[in-house]
Protein backbone atom coordinates (compact mmCIF):
# COMPACT_ATOMS: atom_id res chain seq x y z
CA MET A 1 31.65 -9.34 13.47
CA ASN A 2 28.09 -8.34 12.64
CA ASP A 3 25.03 -9.30 14.67
CA MET A 4 23.94 -12.11 12.40
CA ASP A 5 27.30 -13.90 12.77
CA LYS A 6 26.22 -14.66 16.34
CA HIS A 7 23.37 -16.88 15.25
CA SER A 8 23.69 -20.50 14.30
CA ASP A 9 22.55 -21.65 10.88
CA ARG A 10 19.61 -23.46 12.46
CA VAL A 11 18.41 -20.40 14.39
CA ALA A 12 18.83 -18.19 11.32
CA GLN A 13 16.83 -20.63 9.20
CA GLN A 14 14.05 -20.77 11.80
CA ALA A 15 14.01 -16.97 12.10
CA ALA A 16 13.76 -16.61 8.31
CA GLU A 17 10.87 -19.08 8.16
CA TYR A 18 8.91 -17.31 10.90
CA PHE A 19 9.63 -13.96 9.27
CA THR A 20 8.31 -14.98 5.85
CA LYS A 21 5.16 -16.42 7.45
CA ARG A 22 4.41 -13.35 9.56
CA ARG A 23 1.83 -11.84 7.18
CA GLY A 24 -1.45 -13.67 7.16
CA ALA A 25 -0.40 -15.64 10.23
CA THR A 26 -3.21 -17.40 12.08
CA PRO A 27 -3.58 -17.08 15.87
CA ALA A 28 -1.95 -20.53 16.17
CA ASP A 29 0.96 -19.37 13.99
CA ARG A 30 1.42 -16.30 16.19
CA ARG A 31 1.40 -18.37 19.38
CA GLU A 32 3.95 -20.78 17.93
CA ARG A 33 6.21 -17.92 16.88
CA GLU A 34 5.88 -16.18 20.26
CA GLN A 35 6.81 -19.40 22.07
CA TRP A 36 9.86 -19.83 19.84
CA LEU A 37 10.96 -16.23 20.44
CA GLU A 38 10.68 -16.68 24.20
CA GLU A 39 12.75 -19.86 24.26
CA ASP A 40 16.08 -18.10 23.76
CA PRO A 41 17.11 -14.42 23.48
CA LEU A 42 19.11 -15.37 20.36
CA HIS A 43 15.86 -16.33 18.66
CA ALA A 44 14.46 -12.82 19.08
CA GLU A 45 17.76 -11.28 17.98
CA ALA A 46 17.91 -13.42 14.83
CA TYR A 47 14.31 -12.53 13.93
CA ALA A 48 15.02 -8.84 14.60
CA ASP A 49 17.96 -8.91 12.18
CA PHE A 50 15.66 -9.95 9.33
CA GLN A 51 13.15 -7.31 10.44
CA ARG A 52 15.74 -4.57 10.43
CA ILE A 53 16.90 -5.25 6.88
CA TRP A 54 13.27 -5.27 5.76
CA ASP A 55 12.36 -2.04 7.56
CA ARG A 56 15.42 -0.09 6.44
CA SER A 57 14.41 -0.26 2.76
CA GLY A 58 13.22 3.34 2.80
CA ASP A 59 10.81 4.74 0.22
CA GLN A 60 11.02 1.61 -1.94
CA ALA A 61 9.38 -0.62 0.69
CA ASN A 62 6.32 -1.17 -1.48
CA ASP A 63 8.09 -1.53 -4.81
CA PRO A 64 6.66 -4.71 -6.44
CA GLU A 65 10.01 -5.83 -7.82
CA LEU A 66 11.75 -5.39 -4.50
CA GLN A 67 8.93 -7.17 -2.68
CA ALA A 68 9.19 -10.10 -5.08
CA LEU A 69 12.95 -10.33 -4.71
CA ARG A 70 12.71 -10.27 -0.94
CA SER A 71 10.09 -12.96 -0.83
CA ARG A 72 12.00 -15.17 -3.24
CA ASP A 73 15.32 -14.84 -1.42
CA LEU A 74 13.83 -15.35 2.02
CA ALA A 75 12.01 -18.41 0.70
CA ALA A 76 15.37 -19.73 -0.47
CA VAL A 77 16.58 -19.42 3.09
CA ARG A 78 13.93 -21.97 4.05
CA ARG A 79 14.66 -24.32 1.16
CA HIS A 80 18.46 -24.55 1.35
CA ARG A 81 20.55 -25.91 4.20
CA TRP A 82 23.62 -24.03 2.99
CA PHE A 83 22.31 -20.72 4.33
CA ARG A 84 24.89 -18.58 6.11
CA PRO A 85 24.36 -15.14 7.70
CA GLN A 86 26.98 -13.75 5.32
CA ARG A 87 24.93 -15.10 2.38
CA PHE A 88 21.86 -13.22 3.61
CA LEU A 89 23.88 -10.00 3.72
CA ALA A 90 25.14 -10.72 0.20
CA VAL A 91 21.51 -11.09 -0.94
CA ALA A 92 20.71 -7.73 0.65
CA ALA A 93 23.72 -6.17 -1.08
CA THR A 94 22.49 -7.53 -4.41
CA LEU A 95 19.10 -5.97 -3.80
CA VAL A 96 20.79 -2.63 -3.17
CA MET A 97 22.42 -2.80 -6.58
CA LEU A 98 19.14 -3.80 -8.20
CA VAL A 99 16.97 -1.05 -6.75
CA GLY A 100 19.51 1.68 -6.16
CA ALA A 101 22.11 2.21 -3.47
CA GLY A 102 20.87 3.46 -0.14
CA TYR A 103 17.43 1.85 0.00
CA ILE A 104 18.53 -1.01 2.26
CA VAL A 105 20.81 -0.30 5.21
CA LEU A 106 23.16 -3.20 5.85
CA ASN A 107 24.32 -1.98 9.23
CA ILE A 108 22.15 -4.09 11.49
CA GLN A 109 23.62 -2.94 14.79
CA ARG A 110 21.04 -2.11 17.46
CA ALA A 111 19.76 1.40 16.76
CA THR A 112 17.59 3.98 18.47
CA LEU A 113 16.47 5.64 15.24
CA PRO A 114 12.71 5.47 14.62
CA ILE A 115 11.46 2.52 12.62
CA THR A 116 8.12 3.08 10.93
CA LEU A 117 5.68 0.20 10.42
CA ALA A 118 2.57 0.79 8.32
CA THR A 119 -0.35 -0.90 6.58
CA GLU A 120 -2.58 0.05 3.68
CA LEU A 121 -6.38 -0.03 3.50
CA GLY A 122 -7.64 -3.53 4.30
CA GLU A 123 -4.18 -4.83 5.27
CA ARG A 124 -3.06 -6.27 8.61
CA ARG A 125 0.57 -6.65 9.60
CA THR A 126 2.22 -8.49 12.49
CA GLU A 127 5.79 -7.72 13.54
CA VAL A 128 7.95 -8.89 16.45
CA MET A 129 10.32 -6.38 18.03
CA PRO A 130 13.87 -7.23 19.20
CA ASP A 131 12.63 -7.77 22.78
CA GLY A 132 9.90 -10.21 21.68
CA THR A 133 7.06 -7.67 21.85
CA GLU A 134 4.48 -8.33 19.12
CA ILE A 135 2.79 -5.45 17.31
CA VAL A 136 -0.24 -6.11 15.13
CA LEU A 137 -1.27 -3.21 12.90
CA ASN A 138 -4.87 -2.96 11.76
CA THR A 139 -6.04 -1.50 8.46
CA ASP A 140 -4.52 1.83 7.31
CA SER A 141 -2.35 2.22 10.41
CA ALA A 142 1.18 3.34 11.22
CA VAL A 143 3.48 3.38 14.25
CA SER A 144 6.91 4.83 14.87
CA VAL A 145 9.12 2.66 17.10
CA VAL A 146 12.12 3.85 19.13
CA TYR A 147 13.95 1.53 21.54
CA SER A 148 16.47 3.39 23.68
CA GLY A 149 18.54 2.38 26.68
CA ASP A 150 15.84 3.17 29.22
CA GLU A 151 12.48 3.12 27.39
CA ARG A 152 10.57 1.43 24.61
CA SER A 153 8.67 4.24 22.93
CA ILE A 154 5.90 3.85 20.35
CA GLU A 155 3.96 6.62 18.62
CA LEU A 156 0.65 5.64 17.03
CA VAL A 157 0.69 7.88 13.97
CA ARG A 158 -2.68 6.73 12.64
CA GLY A 159 -5.15 3.86 12.86
CA GLU A 160 -5.05 1.04 15.39
CA ALA A 161 -2.58 -1.47 16.80
CA GLN A 162 -2.48 -4.28 19.33
CA PHE A 163 0.58 -4.65 21.54
CA ASP A 164 1.57 -7.92 23.26
CA VAL A 165 4.35 -6.55 25.43
CA ALA A 166 7.39 -8.53 26.57
CA LYS A 167 8.16 -7.96 30.24
CA ASP A 168 11.11 -5.71 31.04
CA PRO A 169 10.63 -3.72 34.28
CA GLU A 170 13.75 -1.67 33.57
CA LYS A 171 12.44 -0.43 30.22
CA PRO A 172 8.87 0.88 30.35
CA PHE A 173 6.77 0.35 27.23
CA VAL A 174 5.01 3.63 26.40
CA VAL A 175 2.57 4.31 23.56
CA SER A 176 1.85 7.97 22.84
CA VAL A 177 -0.92 9.36 20.66
CA ASP A 178 -2.30 12.86 20.30
CA GLY A 179 -1.40 14.11 23.79
CA ALA A 180 -2.30 10.86 25.59
CA SER A 181 0.03 8.11 26.79
CA VAL A 182 -0.33 4.43 27.68
CA THR A 183 2.30 2.75 29.87
CA ALA A 184 2.47 -1.03 30.16
CA LEU A 185 4.62 -3.84 31.53
CA GLY A 186 3.99 -7.37 30.29
CA THR A 187 0.47 -6.94 28.99
CA SER A 188 -1.81 -7.11 25.94
CA PHE A 189 -3.74 -4.05 24.82
CA GLN A 190 -5.01 -2.12 21.82
CA VAL A 191 -4.77 1.57 21.00
CA ARG A 192 -6.89 3.25 18.34
CA ARG A 193 -6.66 6.80 17.08
CA ASP A 194 -9.95 8.31 15.97
CA ALA A 195 -10.81 11.86 15.02
CA GLY A 196 -10.74 13.78 18.30
CA SER A 197 -10.26 10.78 20.59
CA THR A 198 -7.93 7.96 21.60
CA ILE A 199 -9.35 4.55 22.54
CA VAL A 200 -7.36 2.15 24.73
CA THR A 201 -8.64 -1.42 25.20
CA LEU A 202 -7.00 -3.70 27.77
CA LEU A 203 -7.11 -7.46 27.13
CA GLU A 204 -4.60 -8.77 29.70
CA GLY A 205 -2.45 -7.34 32.49
CA SER A 206 -2.69 -3.66 33.33
CA VAL A 207 -1.92 -0.34 31.70
CA ALA A 208 -1.90 3.22 32.95
CA VAL A 209 -3.59 5.71 30.64
CA ALA A 210 -2.90 9.41 31.07
CA GLN A 211 -4.02 12.65 29.49
CA ARG A 212 -3.02 15.96 31.01
CA ASP A 213 -3.80 15.65 34.75
CA GLU A 214 -6.06 12.62 34.39
CA ARG A 215 -4.70 9.12 34.96
CA HIS A 216 -6.38 5.72 35.28
CA VAL A 217 -5.15 2.13 35.58
CA LEU A 218 -7.27 -0.14 33.40
CA LYS A 219 -8.38 -3.64 34.31
CA PRO A 220 -8.70 -6.47 31.75
CA ASN A 221 -11.70 -6.07 29.43
CA GLU A 222 -11.95 -2.35 30.14
CA ARG A 223 -11.76 0.43 27.58
CA ALA A 224 -10.71 4.04 28.08
CA VAL A 225 -11.79 6.80 25.72
CA LEU A 226 -9.67 9.95 25.99
CA SER A 227 -10.58 13.21 24.27
CA ALA A 228 -9.68 16.85 24.71
CA ARG A 229 -13.39 17.77 24.89
CA ASN A 230 -14.74 15.08 27.25
CA GLY A 231 -11.68 14.00 29.20
CA LEU A 232 -11.35 10.33 30.18
CA SER A 233 -14.19 7.79 30.39
CA ILE A 234 -14.12 4.06 31.21
CA ALA A 235 -16.41 1.25 30.01
CA SER A 236 -16.44 -2.56 29.90
CA ILE A 237 -15.94 -4.36 26.57
CA ASP A 238 -16.63 -7.71 24.95
CA PRO A 239 -13.14 -9.18 24.30
CA GLU A 240 -14.36 -11.33 21.40
CA GLN A 241 -15.74 -8.27 19.65
CA ALA A 242 -12.64 -6.21 20.41
CA THR A 243 -10.22 -8.77 18.98
CA GLY A 244 -12.23 -9.90 15.96
CA TRP A 245 -10.19 -7.79 13.54
CA LEU A 246 -7.05 -9.79 14.39
CA ASP A 247 -8.55 -12.69 12.46
CA GLY A 248 -10.22 -10.51 9.82
CA TRP A 249 -13.70 -10.34 11.37
CA LEU A 250 -16.02 -7.49 12.33
CA ARG A 251 -18.43 -8.46 15.11
CA PHE A 252 -21.41 -6.23 15.86
CA ARG A 253 -23.69 -6.68 18.88
CA GLY A 254 -26.61 -4.25 18.99
CA THR A 255 -24.40 -1.66 17.32
CA PRO A 256 -25.94 1.54 15.92
CA LEU A 257 -25.85 1.58 12.12
CA ALA A 258 -23.82 4.79 12.13
CA GLU A 259 -21.03 2.97 14.02
CA VAL A 260 -21.32 -0.10 11.79
CA ILE A 261 -20.77 2.08 8.75
CA VAL A 262 -17.74 3.84 10.24
CA GLU A 263 -16.18 0.49 11.13
CA SER A 264 -16.91 -1.12 7.77
CA ASN A 265 -15.51 1.83 5.85
CA ARG A 266 -12.14 1.48 7.61
CA TYR A 267 -11.49 -1.75 5.71
CA SER A 268 -13.04 -1.39 2.28
CA PRO A 269 -12.68 0.95 -0.71
CA LYS A 270 -16.42 0.38 -1.27
CA LYS A 271 -18.07 2.71 1.22
CA LEU A 272 -21.37 2.40 3.07
CA ARG A 273 -23.42 5.56 3.61
CA LEU A 274 -26.65 6.40 5.41
CA GLY A 275 -29.18 7.95 3.07
CA ASP A 276 -31.31 9.16 6.01
CA PRO A 277 -29.97 10.31 9.41
CA ARG A 278 -32.96 8.68 11.12
CA LEU A 279 -31.26 5.31 10.56
CA ALA A 280 -28.17 6.26 12.56
CA ASP A 281 -29.35 4.78 15.88
CA VAL A 282 -30.99 1.63 14.48
CA GLN A 283 -29.24 -1.32 16.12
CA PHE A 284 -27.60 -4.04 14.08
CA GLY A 285 -25.70 -7.28 14.80
CA GLY A 286 -23.76 -10.02 13.05
CA ASN A 287 -20.30 -11.33 12.14
CA PHE A 288 -18.76 -10.21 8.84
CA ARG A 289 -15.43 -10.48 7.09
CA ALA A 290 -13.57 -7.18 7.29
CA GLY A 291 -13.85 -5.40 3.95
CA ASP A 292 -17.07 -7.15 2.87
CA ALA A 293 -19.33 -4.10 2.69
CA ASP A 294 -21.79 -5.90 0.41
CA SER A 295 -22.57 -8.59 2.98
CA ILE A 296 -23.17 -6.00 5.68
CA ALA A 297 -25.55 -4.06 3.44
CA ASP A 298 -27.39 -7.20 2.32
CA ALA A 299 -27.84 -8.38 5.91
CA ALA A 300 -29.12 -4.97 6.98
CA SER A 301 -31.69 -4.98 4.17
CA MET A 302 -32.94 -8.42 5.25
CA ILE A 303 -33.33 -7.86 9.00
CA LEU A 304 -33.90 -4.11 9.29
CA PRO A 305 -36.39 -1.68 7.73
CA VAL A 306 -33.69 -0.74 5.26
CA ARG A 307 -33.29 -0.92 1.51
CA ILE A 308 -30.06 -0.47 -0.37
CA GLU A 309 -29.06 1.57 -3.40
CA ARG A 310 -25.76 0.78 -5.12
CA ARG A 311 -23.94 3.59 -6.86
CA ALA A 312 -20.37 3.96 -8.14
CA GLY A 313 -18.05 3.18 -5.24
CA GLU A 314 -20.68 3.24 -2.49
CA ILE A 315 -23.72 1.52 -1.04
CA ILE A 316 -26.45 3.73 0.38
CA LEU A 317 -28.78 2.51 3.13
CA MET A 318 -32.25 4.03 2.84
CA PRO A 319 -35.45 3.60 4.92
CA LYS A 320 -37.98 1.17 3.43
């Protein structure tokens, strides 16, 4: 008997509906899904079964035809009351024949092999792990996930992710990145990988950050910056600003233009650039949709001594 045979039709239908709605989910959608997952361990297991089939699609994960087939068949799960777990596996088997054998693994037993989750430029992705932990990937980010018998291990390969960790004292939740580690139990935090540094932002609970011989336990609304050159430093943060990207917003509060440009360029193929280094420390503020480089440039030209020049693929900020 496979894992999905354990789930009732109703639970499987609910899991399929939450799974298909996971991308573009609002904060209210995420809270509703989290509450449902916490109601019964079978809920999380059913959701994880859909996730596993999706994630085991190999190199064809972004194939447009395969994406369309998946979306259509999962939508059918919501529309029809005759759904059975065996039918879902039959759908997956059909997809294997359509896109080539081996791209989807039908063995959905619990596994310790790494599962890679990734996003492209400007994309956000929310996934729920088998234990109920929620991982939200920011733009152009990737993590490798390994759940073993005694530890939940995550490697941040690139970019940024937020982790809302399900409590399990017997299985520590550890995020590793570039020589640093973050250990948490039942908490909400973000980890970002920048060139030469790792940034850990704690929103709720507590986490221990470590790099070489340095170790610090963060408090809520604290941020740790770890780098090989400067070691470990701690600062307070504005939680609204730190979590804005979850809803697709960039919030700047007296932020130097150089930092504004770096942040904006993470989300948009249209790049901002300073045409004069003297503008780097000029402070700027406002709320902008992630990826809307034009609005940021237009606002800067209206409230700062800055003019803009538009060229192919970039917007240059120049002194007036």
